[in-house]
Amino acid sequence: MSLINRLLYQRFPFHLVEQSFWPILVSFSLLNLTIGAVAYMHGYPNGGLIFTLGLALTIGGMILWFRDIIIEGTFLGCHTIEVQKGLILGFILFIISEVFAFLSVFWAFFHSSLSPAVEIGGIWPPQGITALDPFAIPLLNTFLLLSSGAFITYGHHALIQGDRKGAIFGTLLTIVLAVIFTALQYIEYSEAAFSISDSIYGTVFYASTGLHGIHVIIGTIFIAVGFFRILNYHLSTNHHVGFESGILYWHFVDVVWLFLFISVYYWGGN
């Protein structure tokens, strides 16, 4: 029985997901992307080519996967109230898992900074490390990220109230601020006087801020997909669970950055 026929005759509100090729494709694409990135960083031949291929396959797989989910939720009516409840619960559990991922990084930071080992001079930052000025790019990025959180909230409320222009404006401005944030963090990395291999300070600094930077990029993709769907009239005032999930993810990224700025940049750099 085809998906459309099954939806017409099923007597329950849940969505039985069809078999899809995209999860396995994205999984192997990410593996290829990781291998290529490591090979490129260590100077192996064709590392950049493998990385580029993995990136292209990952982006392509994500686009096709997103397309199928949009079709299911927008045009086939698969995302009923019960399905939306399950999606929201699943996303909340995903956010909780992300909290523990960052918790492990903060644990490593405070374990090393609160009681510096003699091997690094017994001080924090370690001897020979010139920490970044927290009131330069980090402070500007804090302003940008918090502002983006306010604008995406404005866009969300505008969508709920049926204000299409407000929803488009708030979401678009959030994307612009997110891109600027990422560009400034790249500049910050380029101008830093230490690398990830410079003692435990460099390791925990780049592990924490880099992990957050990856989450900013992923969150930007989530918000961009929501922006695309708003432009194409996919979202209604009471049916936009994917957009709400992206907003929840973005607020999580905001909160994590506040902890990073206060602990890693301000307290840990002085």
Protein backbone atom coordinates (compact mmCIF):
# COMPACT_ATOMS: atom_id res chain seq x y z
CA MET A 1 0.00 0.00 0.00
CA SER A 2 1.35 3.43 -0.94
CA LEU A 3 1.94 6.10 1.67
CA ILE A 4 -1.01 8.21 0.49
CA ASN A 5 -3.42 5.25 0.55
CA ARG A 6 -2.21 4.23 3.98
CA LEU A 7 -2.79 7.75 5.30
CA LEU A 8 -6.31 7.70 3.91
CA TYR A 9 -7.25 4.43 5.61
CA GLN A 10 -5.23 4.39 8.85
CA ARG A 11 -7.29 4.76 12.03
CA PHE A 12 -4.59 6.11 14.36
CA PRO A 13 -2.90 9.52 14.64
CA PHE A 14 0.70 8.28 14.51
CA HIS A 15 3.12 8.37 11.59
CA LEU A 16 4.66 5.08 10.47
CA VAL A 17 7.87 6.31 8.88
CA GLU A 18 8.70 4.96 5.43
CA GLN A 19 12.07 3.33 4.80
CA SER A 20 14.57 6.00 3.75
CA PHE A 21 18.02 5.92 2.19
CA TRP A 22 19.04 9.32 3.57
CA PRO A 23 19.99 8.39 7.18
CA ILE A 24 22.57 5.81 6.07
CA LEU A 25 23.84 8.16 3.35
CA VAL A 26 24.33 11.02 5.80
CA SER A 27 26.01 8.67 8.30
CA PHE A 28 28.63 7.50 5.81
CA SER A 29 28.98 11.05 4.46
CA LEU A 30 29.80 12.32 7.95
CA LEU A 31 32.32 9.52 8.38
CA ASN A 32 33.90 10.46 5.06
CA LEU A 33 33.87 14.13 6.10
CA THR A 34 35.65 13.36 9.38
CA ILE A 35 38.28 11.15 7.76
CA GLY A 36 38.91 13.79 5.11
CA ALA A 37 39.22 16.56 7.72
CA VAL A 38 41.75 14.57 9.77
CA ALA A 39 43.72 13.58 6.65
CA TYR A 40 43.79 17.20 5.45
CA MET A 41 44.93 18.55 8.83
CA HIS A 42 47.77 16.03 8.96
CA GLY A 43 48.89 16.71 5.39
CA TYR A 44 47.98 13.38 3.83
CA PRO A 45 47.59 13.28 0.03
CA ASN A 46 44.05 13.92 -1.26
CA GLY A 47 42.85 14.81 2.25
CA GLY A 48 41.24 17.99 0.97
CA LEU A 49 39.52 16.09 -1.85
CA ILE A 50 38.07 13.53 0.57
CA PHE A 51 36.92 16.31 2.87
CA THR A 52 35.24 18.19 0.00
CA LEU A 53 33.52 15.02 -1.21
CA GLY A 54 32.28 14.23 2.30
CA LEU A 55 31.00 17.80 2.73
CA ALA A 56 29.15 17.72 -0.60
CA LEU A 57 27.55 14.35 0.18
CA THR A 58 26.55 15.52 3.66
CA ILE A 59 24.93 18.70 2.37
CA GLY A 60 23.17 16.81 -0.43
CA GLY A 61 21.90 14.12 1.94
CA MET A 62 20.62 16.72 4.40
CA ILE A 63 18.78 18.63 1.68
CA LEU A 64 17.07 15.48 0.38
CA TRP A 65 16.25 14.31 3.90
CA PHE A 66 14.80 17.71 4.83
CA ARG A 67 12.80 17.68 1.59
CA ASP A 68 11.13 14.37 2.45
CA ILE A 69 10.27 15.51 5.98
CA ILE A 70 8.83 18.78 4.68
CA ILE A 71 6.66 16.83 2.23
CA GLU A 72 5.45 14.52 5.00
CA GLY A 73 4.64 17.32 7.42
CA THR A 74 3.35 20.00 5.04
CA PHE A 75 1.69 18.26 2.10
CA LEU A 76 0.80 14.74 3.36
CA GLY A 77 -0.42 15.72 6.82
CA CYS A 78 1.72 13.15 8.63
CA HIS A 79 2.59 15.48 11.49
CA THR A 80 -0.60 15.24 13.51
CA ILE A 81 -0.94 16.61 17.05
CA GLU A 82 0.28 13.31 18.51
CA VAL A 83 3.24 13.20 16.13
CA GLN A 84 4.15 16.80 17.02
CA LYS A 85 4.12 15.91 20.72
CA GLY A 86 6.54 13.08 20.02
CA LEU A 87 8.80 15.30 17.93
CA ILE A 88 8.93 17.96 20.64
CA LEU A 89 9.68 15.40 23.34
CA GLY A 90 12.41 13.84 21.19
CA PHE A 91 13.98 17.23 20.54
CA ILE A 92 13.95 18.10 24.25
CA LEU A 93 15.77 14.84 24.98
CA PHE A 94 18.26 15.77 22.24
CA ILE A 95 18.87 19.15 23.92
CA ILE A 96 19.46 17.36 27.23
CA SER A 97 22.10 15.17 25.58
CA GLU A 98 23.74 18.34 24.24
CA VAL A 99 23.79 19.80 27.75
CA PHE A 100 25.83 16.83 28.95
CA ALA A 101 28.18 17.14 25.97
CA PHE A 102 29.01 20.71 26.98
CA LEU A 103 29.09 19.69 30.64
CA SER A 104 32.01 17.38 29.90
CA VAL A 105 33.93 20.23 28.24
CA PHE A 106 33.25 22.64 31.12
CA TRP A 107 34.27 19.91 33.55
CA ALA A 108 37.65 19.61 31.81
CA PHE A 109 38.05 23.40 31.86
CA PHE A 110 37.32 23.88 35.57
CA HIS A 111 39.27 20.76 36.54
CA SER A 112 42.37 22.28 34.91
CA SER A 113 41.83 25.95 35.82
CA LEU A 114 40.74 25.77 39.46
CA SER A 115 43.81 23.77 40.44
CA PRO A 116 46.53 24.30 37.79
CA ALA A 117 49.17 21.57 37.68
CA VAL A 118 52.84 22.27 38.27
CA GLU A 119 53.58 21.27 34.68
CA ILE A 120 51.90 24.47 33.49
CA GLY A 121 53.47 26.65 36.17
CA GLY A 122 50.70 26.33 38.73
CA ILE A 123 48.87 29.35 37.28
CA TRP A 124 45.97 29.93 34.90
CA PRO A 125 46.35 30.84 32.09
CA PRO A 126 49.59 28.81 31.90
CA GLN A 127 52.93 30.51 31.49
CA GLY A 128 53.58 31.57 27.90
CA ILE A 129 49.88 31.82 27.00
CA THR A 130 48.48 35.22 26.01
CA ALA A 131 44.73 34.97 26.49
CA LEU A 132 42.30 36.78 24.24
CA ASP A 133 40.79 40.07 25.34
CA PRO A 134 37.23 39.24 26.48
CA PHE A 135 36.08 42.81 25.78
CA ALA A 136 37.03 42.72 22.10
CA ILE A 137 35.53 40.19 19.67
CA PRO A 138 34.03 37.96 22.43
CA LEU A 139 31.98 40.84 23.85
CA LEU A 140 30.81 41.85 20.38
CA ASN A 141 29.85 38.24 19.65
CA THR A 142 27.91 38.15 22.92
CA PHE A 143 25.91 41.18 21.81
CA LEU A 144 25.30 39.64 18.37
CA LEU A 145 24.19 36.28 19.71
CA LEU A 146 21.87 37.68 22.36
CA SER A 147 20.40 40.06 19.79
CA SER A 148 19.80 37.16 17.42
CA GLY A 149 17.95 35.33 20.20
CA ALA A 150 15.70 38.36 20.67
CA PHE A 151 15.01 38.68 16.94
CA ILE A 152 14.17 34.99 16.47
CA THR A 153 11.75 35.26 19.40
CA TYR A 154 10.19 38.28 17.72
CA GLY A 155 9.90 36.34 14.46
CA HIS A 156 8.29 33.42 16.29
CA HIS A 157 5.66 35.59 17.96
CA ALA A 158 5.03 37.38 14.68
CA LEU A 159 4.38 34.02 13.00
CA ILE A 160 1.95 33.01 15.74
CA GLN A 161 0.07 36.29 15.33
CA GLY A 162 -0.10 35.94 11.55
CA ASP A 163 2.36 38.77 10.89
CA ARG A 164 4.21 37.36 7.86
CA LYS A 165 6.48 40.38 7.36
CA GLY A 166 7.50 40.36 11.00
CA ALA A 167 8.27 36.65 10.90
CA ILE A 168 10.40 37.05 7.78
CA PHE A 169 12.23 40.09 9.17
CA GLY A 170 13.01 38.52 12.55
CA THR A 171 14.18 35.22 11.07
CA LEU A 172 16.29 36.82 8.34
CA LEU A 173 18.01 39.17 10.77
CA THR A 174 18.78 36.21 13.04
CA ILE A 175 20.50 34.42 10.16
CA VAL A 176 22.52 37.53 9.28
CA LEU A 177 23.69 37.98 12.89
CA ALA A 178 24.57 34.28 13.11
CA VAL A 179 26.73 34.48 9.98
CA ILE A 180 28.50 37.57 11.34
CA PHE A 181 29.10 35.76 14.63
CA THR A 182 30.70 32.82 12.82
CA ALA A 183 32.87 35.10 10.69
CA LEU A 184 34.09 36.99 13.76
CA GLN A 185 34.93 33.75 15.53
CA TYR A 186 36.98 32.70 12.50
CA ILE A 187 38.84 36.03 12.70
CA GLU A 188 39.38 35.48 16.42
CA TYR A 189 40.88 32.04 15.79
CA SER A 190 43.11 33.44 13.05
CA GLU A 191 44.52 36.14 15.33
CA ALA A 192 44.89 34.02 18.49
CA ALA A 193 48.46 33.74 19.79
CA PHE A 194 48.02 30.08 20.76
CA SER A 195 46.79 26.88 19.10
CA ILE A 196 44.87 23.82 20.28
CA SER A 197 48.18 22.06 21.01
CA ASP A 198 49.45 24.81 23.36
CA SER A 199 48.99 23.15 26.76
CA ILE A 200 45.69 22.27 28.35
CA TYR A 201 44.55 25.89 27.99
CA GLY A 202 44.59 25.74 24.20
CA THR A 203 42.89 22.35 24.23
CA VAL A 204 39.96 23.30 26.45
CA PHE A 205 39.62 26.75 24.82
CA TYR A 206 39.26 25.42 21.28
CA ALA A 207 37.29 22.37 22.40
CA SER A 208 34.69 24.52 24.15
CA THR A 209 34.46 27.46 21.76
CA GLY A 210 34.84 25.24 18.70
CA LEU A 211 32.08 22.89 19.85
CA HIS A 212 29.87 25.91 20.40
CA GLY A 213 30.81 27.29 16.98
CA ILE A 214 29.72 24.05 15.33
CA HIS A 215 26.41 24.31 17.16
CA VAL A 216 25.99 27.88 15.90
CA ILE A 217 26.46 26.68 12.32
CA ILE A 218 23.97 23.83 12.81
CA GLY A 219 21.50 26.21 14.46
CA THR A 220 21.90 28.63 11.56
CA ILE A 221 20.98 25.82 9.17
CA PHE A 222 17.88 25.02 11.26
CA ILE A 223 16.77 28.65 11.24
CA ALA A 224 17.54 28.98 7.49
CA VAL A 225 15.31 25.98 6.73
CA GLY A 226 12.55 27.60 8.78
CA PHE A 227 13.07 30.86 6.88
CA PHE A 228 12.77 29.00 3.56
CA ARG A 229 9.52 27.39 4.74
CA ILE A 230 8.10 30.74 5.87
CA LEU A 231 8.81 32.20 2.42
CA ASN A 232 7.03 29.26 0.81
CA TYR A 233 3.96 29.43 3.08
CA HIS A 234 4.71 26.04 4.69
CA LEU A 235 4.20 27.23 8.26
CA SER A 236 0.95 28.29 9.86
CA THR A 237 0.18 30.06 13.11
CA ASN A 238 -0.35 26.77 14.95
CA HIS A 239 1.66 24.25 12.89
CA HIS A 240 5.38 24.98 12.89
CA VAL A 241 6.97 22.40 15.17
CA GLY A 242 10.20 22.29 13.14
CA PHE A 243 10.64 26.04 13.38
CA GLU A 244 9.95 25.96 17.14
CA SER A 245 12.54 23.21 17.57
CA GLY A 246 15.11 25.34 15.74
CA ILE A 247 14.30 28.29 18.02
CA LEU A 248 14.66 26.13 21.12
CA TYR A 249 18.03 24.96 19.84
CA TRP A 250 19.09 28.56 19.20
CA HIS A 251 18.20 29.65 22.74
CA PHE A 252 20.25 26.73 24.04
CA VAL A 253 23.20 27.99 21.99
CA ASP A 254 22.68 31.47 23.50
CA VAL A 255 22.75 30.18 27.07
CA VAL A 256 25.86 28.08 26.47
CA TRP A 257 27.66 31.13 25.03
CA LEU A 258 26.93 33.15 28.17
CA PHE A 259 28.61 30.45 30.27
CA LEU A 260 31.51 30.36 27.80
CA PHE A 261 31.99 34.12 27.84
CA ILE A 262 31.91 34.40 31.63
CA SER A 263 34.03 31.34 32.44
CA VAL A 264 36.41 30.76 29.51
CA TYR A 265 36.90 34.28 28.14
CA TYR A 266 36.48 36.56 31.18
CA TRP A 267 37.34 34.51 34.29
CA GLY A 268 39.66 32.01 32.57
CA GLY A 269 41.58 34.66 30.65
CA ASN A 270 42.56 36.80 33.63
